[in-house]
Amino acid sequence: MPQKPFRFGLFWKLLLVLWLSMVLSVLVAIVYLRLSMGPTAPPPPEVMTLGLIPLVPLVTGSLAMLGVGVAVAWYLAGPIGHMRQGLRQVALGRFDTRVLPLLRGRRDELAELAEDFDRMAAQLEHLTKSRQQLLHDLSHELRSPLARMQAAIGLSRQDPAQAPALLERIERESGRLDELIEQLLTLHRLEAAAESWPVETMDLLDLLHAVAEDADFEARAQLRHVQLNAEGTFVSQVHGELLYRAFENVVRNAVKYTSPGTGVDIVARVDAGGSQLVVTVSDSGPGVAEESHERMFEPFVRLEGSESVRGAGLGLAIALRAVEMVGGSIRASARPGGGLTMTIQISRIPVKN
């Protein structure tokens, strides 16, 4: 195995620079003092000298300064070495690596750098676990309709008389797969390529009216309805397609869960300054436990009691990312009297001339 060439690292560079600078300053001070005092008697014979400089003070001073240089160089280079080792661990996929505890309570710029490193590693660890969970959930979501399609194909071979009904089932499962793949592509574009969505100048209340009208048409077939209360205008520069999907997913989700014979109430209002639009979407369904109000925006999350409702659990995840991309926010809360209320807040982006 070939040996690595000697590398003059940061520690040795710092040590050499510190030591030389201190030795040089002492030498200059001694020479200046000797010359400023003028001719003096020569030193005793037993005193070893280097030219005009006494040798013993020079050696002892150099050793003392060497010790100080080692301490200072280690103080500066040590944390960098820890971060270097941490980067190596992260490069190997060990995202649970943390550097700040190794710095033993330091409170300087290097400690802040280590804190940023730990924050980065924690984020990478979270993203990696999320991706792993996403792949696990995705495989499950794709396997279920595929398994039903394979079962339908097998039954049609056993009993050709059931072929028309089984073909209808295969077509329905194929549609679910197509919808799931489309939602996954949308979620990927939201997370990876925000600049690919065009910016448009539009009235968000007009957009909301279009979403409510389509949702009400579909809800009537399920003995439900959608009612919108919105006045005025709210013109802004936004990703129009993104917000349409966000509003649509939130409203459709409310229609799914509201009880038959009830409706979904949408209220949109512009604040007094005209700088922010607040939209609330309320249903009369079973509601969601408070501890699950944040989890319901995660991909593929199925909350208790929602297993009977068709869907992959991507609608609210897409809505959250879409609203956040335009600088807005979305949150869930319990509706007084039962049900769930989604509150969407969007700030106006002035139209550029």
Protein backbone atom coordinates (compact mmCIF):
# COMPACT_ATOMS: atom_id res chain seq x y z
CA MET A 1 0.00 0.00 0.00
CA PRO A 2 1.60 3.32 -1.07
CA GLN A 3 2.28 5.77 1.70
CA LYS A 4 0.59 9.13 1.64
CA PRO A 5 2.97 12.04 1.05
CA PHE A 6 3.60 14.33 3.98
CA ARG A 7 1.07 17.13 4.05
CA PHE A 8 1.92 20.38 5.78
CA GLY A 9 -1.47 20.75 7.45
CA LEU A 10 -3.24 23.70 9.00
CA PHE A 11 -2.09 22.83 12.53
CA TRP A 12 1.61 22.95 11.59
CA LYS A 13 1.15 26.08 9.51
CA LEU A 14 -0.52 27.88 12.39
CA LEU A 15 2.15 26.66 14.83
CA LEU A 16 5.01 27.76 12.58
CA VAL A 17 3.52 31.19 11.87
CA LEU A 18 2.72 31.85 15.53
CA TRP A 19 6.12 30.69 16.76
CA LEU A 20 8.10 32.60 14.14
CA SER A 21 6.12 35.77 14.71
CA MET A 22 6.71 35.66 18.46
CA VAL A 23 10.41 34.79 18.11
CA LEU A 24 10.90 37.54 15.57
CA SER A 25 9.20 40.09 17.81
CA VAL A 26 11.46 39.12 20.73
CA LEU A 27 14.59 39.28 18.59
CA VAL A 28 13.68 42.69 17.25
CA ALA A 29 13.00 43.94 20.79
CA ILE A 30 16.35 42.63 22.10
CA VAL A 31 18.34 44.08 19.20
CA TYR A 32 16.57 47.42 19.58
CA LEU A 33 17.35 47.54 23.30
CA ARG A 34 20.99 46.61 22.77
CA LEU A 35 21.49 49.23 20.10
CA SER A 36 19.61 51.95 21.92
CA MET A 37 21.72 51.55 25.06
CA GLY A 38 24.92 52.14 23.08
CA PRO A 39 28.30 50.50 23.84
CA THR A 40 28.25 48.55 27.07
CA ALA A 41 30.56 46.21 28.83
CA PRO A 42 30.74 42.75 27.29
CA PRO A 43 28.80 40.02 29.06
CA PRO A 44 30.61 37.68 31.47
CA PRO A 45 32.43 34.75 29.81
CA GLU A 46 30.10 32.19 31.39
CA VAL A 47 27.07 33.74 29.62
CA MET A 48 26.51 32.09 26.24
CA THR A 49 25.56 34.54 23.50
CA LEU A 50 24.47 34.54 19.88
CA GLY A 51 26.05 37.71 18.61
CA LEU A 52 24.59 40.44 20.82
CA ILE A 53 21.76 38.20 22.07
CA PRO A 54 22.06 36.11 25.27
CA LEU A 55 21.45 32.49 24.29
CA VAL A 56 19.75 31.16 27.45
CA PRO A 57 16.89 33.73 27.46
CA LEU A 58 16.47 33.16 23.73
CA VAL A 59 16.13 29.37 24.10
CA THR A 60 13.84 29.50 27.12
CA GLY A 61 11.70 32.19 25.50
CA SER A 62 11.49 30.21 22.28
CA LEU A 63 10.38 27.08 24.14
CA ALA A 64 7.75 29.04 26.05
CA MET A 65 6.48 30.58 22.84
CA LEU A 66 6.48 27.15 21.19
CA GLY A 67 4.18 25.87 23.95
CA VAL A 68 1.86 28.84 23.52
CA GLY A 69 1.89 28.33 19.74
CA VAL A 70 0.95 24.65 20.12
CA ALA A 71 -1.97 25.56 22.37
CA VAL A 72 -3.27 28.30 20.09
CA ALA A 73 -2.83 26.21 16.92
CA TRP A 74 -4.63 23.24 18.50
CA TYR A 75 -7.39 25.53 19.74
CA LEU A 76 -8.02 26.71 16.18
CA ALA A 77 -7.26 23.56 14.19
CA GLY A 78 -8.92 21.03 16.53
CA PRO A 79 -12.55 21.96 15.70
CA ILE A 80 -11.74 21.97 11.99
CA GLY A 81 -10.41 18.43 12.36
CA HIS A 82 -13.64 17.36 14.09
CA MET A 83 -15.71 18.87 11.28
CA ARG A 84 -13.53 17.15 8.71
CA GLN A 85 -14.18 13.81 10.37
CA GLY A 86 -17.87 14.68 10.56
CA LEU A 87 -17.99 15.41 6.84
CA ARG A 88 -16.38 12.05 6.16
CA GLN A 89 -19.04 10.31 8.25
CA VAL A 90 -21.84 12.18 6.49
CA ALA A 91 -20.31 11.26 3.11
CA LEU A 92 -20.59 7.61 4.20
CA GLY A 93 -24.28 8.07 4.89
CA ARG A 94 -24.06 8.39 8.69
CA PHE A 95 -26.37 11.38 9.03
CA ASP A 96 -26.66 10.98 12.81
CA THR A 97 -23.13 12.42 13.15
CA ARG A 98 -22.90 15.51 15.35
CA VAL A 99 -19.87 17.77 15.86
CA LEU A 100 -20.94 20.43 18.35
CA PRO A 101 -20.79 18.11 21.43
CA LEU A 102 -17.10 17.47 20.62
CA LEU A 103 -16.24 21.15 20.99
CA ARG A 104 -16.87 21.07 24.75
CA GLY A 105 -19.02 24.14 25.15
CA ARG A 106 -17.13 26.57 22.91
CA ARG A 107 -18.96 29.81 22.09
CA ASP A 108 -17.19 31.27 19.07
CA GLU A 109 -17.41 31.32 15.27
CA LEU A 110 -16.13 27.74 15.01
CA ALA A 111 -18.87 26.60 17.38
CA GLU A 112 -21.43 28.39 15.20
CA LEU A 113 -19.99 26.61 12.17
CA ALA A 114 -20.29 23.28 13.99
CA GLU A 115 -23.88 24.13 14.91
CA ASP A 116 -24.65 24.80 11.24
CA PHE A 117 -23.01 21.49 10.36
CA ASP A 118 -25.16 19.63 12.88
CA ARG A 119 -28.27 21.37 11.56
CA MET A 120 -27.36 20.29 8.03
CA ALA A 121 -26.76 16.70 9.14
CA ALA A 122 -30.08 16.63 11.01
CA GLN A 123 -31.91 17.92 7.93
CA LEU A 124 -30.23 15.30 5.75
CA GLU A 125 -31.18 12.62 8.28
CA HIS A 126 -34.79 13.81 8.27
CA LEU A 127 -34.94 13.94 4.47
CA THR A 128 -33.41 10.49 4.14
CA LYS A 129 -35.90 8.96 6.56
CA SER A 130 -38.73 10.77 4.80
CA ARG A 131 -37.59 9.42 1.44
CA GLN A 132 -37.35 5.91 2.81
CA GLN A 133 -40.82 6.17 4.29
CA LEU A 134 -42.10 7.66 1.03
CA LEU A 135 -40.69 4.77 -0.99
CA HIS A 136 -42.21 2.29 1.44
CA ASP A 137 -45.62 3.95 1.27
CA LEU A 138 -45.41 4.34 -2.49
CA SER A 139 -44.66 0.67 -3.02
CA HIS A 140 -47.70 -0.17 -0.89
CA GLU A 141 -49.94 2.27 -2.78
CA LEU A 142 -48.83 0.91 -6.15
CA ARG A 143 -49.04 -2.72 -5.09
CA SER A 144 -52.68 -2.59 -4.02
CA PRO A 145 -54.28 -1.60 -7.37
CA LEU A 146 -51.85 -3.82 -9.27
CA ALA A 147 -52.82 -6.78 -7.08
CA ARG A 148 -56.53 -6.10 -7.72
CA MET A 149 -55.90 -5.84 -11.46
CA GLN A 150 -54.02 -9.16 -11.47
CA ALA A 151 -56.84 -10.76 -9.48
CA ALA A 152 -59.41 -9.43 -11.96
CA ILE A 153 -57.39 -10.80 -14.89
CA GLY A 154 -57.18 -14.21 -13.21
CA LEU A 155 -60.92 -14.29 -12.50
CA SER A 156 -61.75 -13.32 -16.09
CA ARG A 157 -59.74 -16.27 -17.34
CA GLN A 158 -61.55 -18.61 -14.96
CA ASP A 159 -65.02 -17.27 -15.74
CA PRO A 160 -65.25 -15.44 -19.09
CA ALA A 161 -68.86 -14.57 -18.35
CA GLN A 162 -67.66 -12.03 -15.74
CA ALA A 163 -65.25 -10.38 -18.18
CA PRO A 164 -67.27 -7.15 -18.72
CA ALA A 165 -67.55 -6.44 -14.98
CA LEU A 166 -63.92 -7.38 -14.39
CA LEU A 167 -62.76 -5.19 -17.27
CA GLU A 168 -64.61 -2.29 -15.65
CA ARG A 169 -62.77 -3.02 -12.40
CA ILE A 170 -59.43 -3.13 -14.24
CA GLU A 171 -60.24 0.21 -15.88
CA ARG A 172 -61.08 1.74 -12.48
CA GLU A 173 -57.84 0.50 -10.92
CA SER A 174 -55.89 1.76 -13.93
CA GLY A 175 -57.43 5.18 -13.41
CA ARG A 176 -56.33 5.14 -9.78
CA LEU A 177 -52.79 4.30 -10.81
CA ASP A 178 -52.80 7.12 -13.35
CA GLU A 179 -54.07 9.59 -10.74
CA LEU A 180 -51.47 8.45 -8.22
CA ILE A 181 -48.62 8.81 -10.71
CA GLU A 182 -49.84 12.28 -11.71
CA GLN A 183 -49.92 13.37 -8.07
CA LEU A 184 -46.44 11.97 -7.48
CA LEU A 185 -45.09 13.88 -10.46
CA THR A 186 -46.74 17.06 -9.19
CA LEU A 187 -45.24 16.55 -5.72
CA HIS A 188 -41.82 15.95 -7.25
CA ARG A 189 -42.02 19.13 -9.33
CA LEU A 190 -43.04 21.10 -6.26
CA GLU A 191 -40.04 19.86 -4.29
CA ALA A 192 -37.40 19.87 -7.02
CA ALA A 193 -38.21 22.48 -9.67
CA ALA A 194 -40.11 25.47 -8.37
CA GLU A 195 -38.89 27.64 -11.24
CA SER A 196 -40.67 25.39 -13.76
CA TRP A 197 -44.06 26.79 -12.75
CA PRO A 198 -45.00 29.97 -14.65
CA VAL A 199 -45.88 33.17 -12.78
CA GLU A 200 -49.17 34.80 -13.73
CA THR A 201 -51.06 37.93 -12.79
CA MET A 202 -54.55 36.88 -11.76
CA ASP A 203 -57.45 37.47 -9.40
CA LEU A 204 -57.32 34.71 -6.80
CA LEU A 205 -61.00 35.14 -5.96
CA ASP A 206 -61.90 34.34 -9.59
CA LEU A 207 -59.71 31.26 -9.29
CA LEU A 208 -61.50 30.28 -6.11
CA HIS A 209 -64.91 30.75 -7.76
CA ALA A 210 -63.90 28.35 -10.55
CA VAL A 211 -62.72 25.73 -8.05
CA ALA A 212 -65.89 26.03 -5.95
CA GLU A 213 -68.15 25.77 -9.00
CA ASP A 214 -66.48 22.56 -10.24
CA ALA A 215 -66.43 21.05 -6.74
CA ASP A 216 -70.11 21.85 -6.17
CA PHE A 217 -71.06 20.17 -9.47
CA GLU A 218 -69.31 16.97 -8.40
CA ALA A 219 -70.56 17.17 -4.80
CA ARG A 220 -74.23 17.31 -5.88
CA ALA A 221 -73.96 13.75 -7.18
CA GLN A 222 -72.93 12.68 -3.66
CA LEU A 223 -75.80 14.52 -1.93
CA ARG A 224 -73.43 17.23 -0.78
CA HIS A 225 -72.86 20.84 -1.82
CA VAL A 226 -70.18 23.54 -1.82
CA GLN A 227 -70.95 27.15 -0.91
CA LEU A 228 -68.57 30.06 -1.48
CA ASN A 229 -68.74 33.44 0.22
CA ALA A 230 -66.22 35.79 -1.40
CA GLU A 231 -66.44 39.45 -2.38
CA GLY A 232 -64.07 41.92 -3.96
CA THR A 233 -60.83 41.18 -5.76
CA PHE A 234 -57.32 40.06 -4.89
CA VAL A 235 -54.99 40.48 -7.85
CA SER A 236 -51.48 39.15 -7.35
CA GLN A 237 -48.55 37.62 -9.19
CA VAL A 238 -48.63 33.91 -8.36
CA HIS A 239 -48.12 30.43 -9.74
CA GLY A 240 -51.70 30.12 -10.99
CA GLU A 241 -51.65 26.39 -11.68
CA LEU A 242 -50.13 25.68 -8.28
CA LEU A 243 -52.77 27.64 -6.38
CA TYR A 244 -55.55 26.09 -8.43
CA ARG A 245 -54.35 22.63 -7.39
CA ALA A 246 -53.96 23.74 -3.79
CA PHE A 247 -57.50 25.14 -3.57
CA GLU A 248 -58.91 22.18 -5.49
CA ASN A 249 -57.21 19.57 -3.29
CA VAL A 250 -58.33 21.24 -0.05
CA VAL A 251 -61.94 21.63 -1.26
CA ARG A 252 -62.12 18.09 -2.68
CA ASN A 253 -60.74 16.72 0.57
CA ALA A 254 -63.48 18.55 2.48
CA VAL A 255 -66.15 17.20 0.11
CA LYS A 256 -64.88 13.65 0.68
CA TYR A 257 -65.23 13.83 4.44
CA THR A 258 -68.27 16.02 4.99
CA SER A 259 -71.35 14.00 5.94
CA PRO A 260 -74.00 13.26 3.28
CA GLY A 261 -76.67 15.93 3.24
CA THR A 262 -74.23 18.60 4.48
CA GLY A 263 -71.99 20.99 2.63
CA VAL A 264 -68.58 22.59 2.51
CA ASP A 265 -68.42 26.29 3.40
CA ILE A 266 -65.71 28.39 1.78
CA VAL A 267 -65.15 31.92 3.06
CA ALA A 268 -62.59 34.23 1.45
CA ARG A 269 -61.78 37.66 2.81
CA VAL A 270 -59.14 40.28 2.16
CA ASP A 271 -57.63 42.01 5.19
CA ALA A 272 -58.15 45.73 5.78
CA GLY A 273 -54.84 46.65 4.18
CA GLY A 274 -55.53 44.55 1.11
CA SER A 275 -52.19 42.77 1.47
CA GLN A 276 -53.38 39.32 2.50
CA LEU A 277 -56.07 36.86 1.44
CA VAL A 278 -57.49 34.48 4.05
CA VAL A 279 -59.50 31.49 2.84
CA THR A 280 -61.26 29.06 5.20
CA VAL A 281 -62.68 25.74 3.99
CA SER A 282 -64.94 24.06 6.56
CA ASP A 283 -66.68 20.68 6.40
CA SER A 284 -69.16 18.84 8.64
CA GLY A 285 -67.32 15.55 8.76
CA PRO A 286 -65.98 13.50 11.67
CA GLY A 287 -63.06 15.87 12.19
CA VAL A 288 -59.44 15.06 13.02
CA ALA A 289 -57.74 14.71 16.38
CA GLU A 290 -55.68 17.78 17.28
CA GLU A 291 -52.43 15.83 17.48
CA SER A 292 -52.90 14.81 13.82
CA HIS A 293 -53.46 18.30 12.42
CA GLU A 294 -49.85 18.54 11.21
CA ARG A 295 -49.41 14.89 10.20
CA MET A 296 -52.32 15.06 7.76
CA PHE A 297 -50.17 17.19 5.42
CA GLU A 298 -47.53 14.47 5.09
CA PRO A 299 -47.57 12.25 1.97
CA PHE A 300 -49.48 8.95 2.20
CA VAL A 301 -50.73 9.62 5.71
CA ARG A 302 -53.98 7.81 6.46
CA LEU A 303 -55.67 9.05 9.61
CA GLU A 304 -57.97 6.98 11.77
CA GLY A 305 -61.34 6.50 10.11
CA SER A 306 -60.17 7.54 6.63
CA GLU A 307 -59.40 4.07 5.26
CA SER A 308 -62.77 3.82 3.52
CA VAL A 309 -62.22 7.02 1.54
CA ARG A 310 -60.52 6.64 -1.81
CA GLY A 311 -57.20 8.44 -2.22
CA ALA A 312 -53.48 8.08 -1.73
CA GLY A 313 -53.05 10.83 0.86
CA LEU A 314 -51.16 13.17 -1.46
CA GLY A 315 -53.73 15.92 -1.96
CA LEU A 316 -53.02 17.89 1.21
CA ALA A 317 -49.26 17.34 0.87
CA ILE A 318 -49.41 18.92 -2.59
CA ALA A 319 -51.62 21.75 -1.29
CA LEU A 320 -49.18 22.56 1.53
CA ARG A 321 -46.15 22.72 -0.76
CA ALA A 322 -48.03 24.72 -3.38
CA VAL A 323 -49.17 27.34 -0.86
CA GLU A 324 -45.70 27.56 0.72
CA MET A 325 -44.13 28.13 -2.71
CA VAL A 326 -46.14 31.37 -3.08
CA GLY A 327 -45.14 32.49 0.41
CA GLY A 328 -48.38 31.46 2.08
CA SER A 329 -49.38 29.08 4.86
CA ILE A 330 -52.04 26.49 5.51
CA ARG A 331 -53.18 24.95 8.78
CA ALA A 332 -55.95 22.73 10.08
CA SER A 333 -58.16 23.31 13.12
CA ALA A 334 -61.30 21.84 14.64
CA ARG A 335 -64.57 23.37 13.49
CA PRO A 336 -66.95 24.38 16.31
CA GLY A 337 -69.85 21.95 16.30
CA GLY A 338 -67.89 19.21 14.53
CA GLY A 339 -65.82 18.95 11.40
CA LEU A 340 -62.55 20.43 10.21
CA THR A 341 -61.51 23.89 9.03
CA MET A 342 -58.58 24.54 6.70
CA THR A 343 -57.21 28.09 6.81
CA ILE A 344 -55.09 29.30 3.88
CA GLN A 345 -53.25 32.64 4.07
CA ILE A 346 -51.64 34.16 0.98
CA SER A 347 -49.82 37.50 0.84
CA ARG A 348 -50.22 39.74 -2.17
CA ILE A 349 -47.28 40.06 -4.54
CA PRO A 350 -47.50 43.44 -6.28
CA VAL A 351 -48.01 43.35 -10.03
CA LYS A 352 -44.91 44.51 -11.92
CA ASN A 353 -45.49 46.97 -14.72
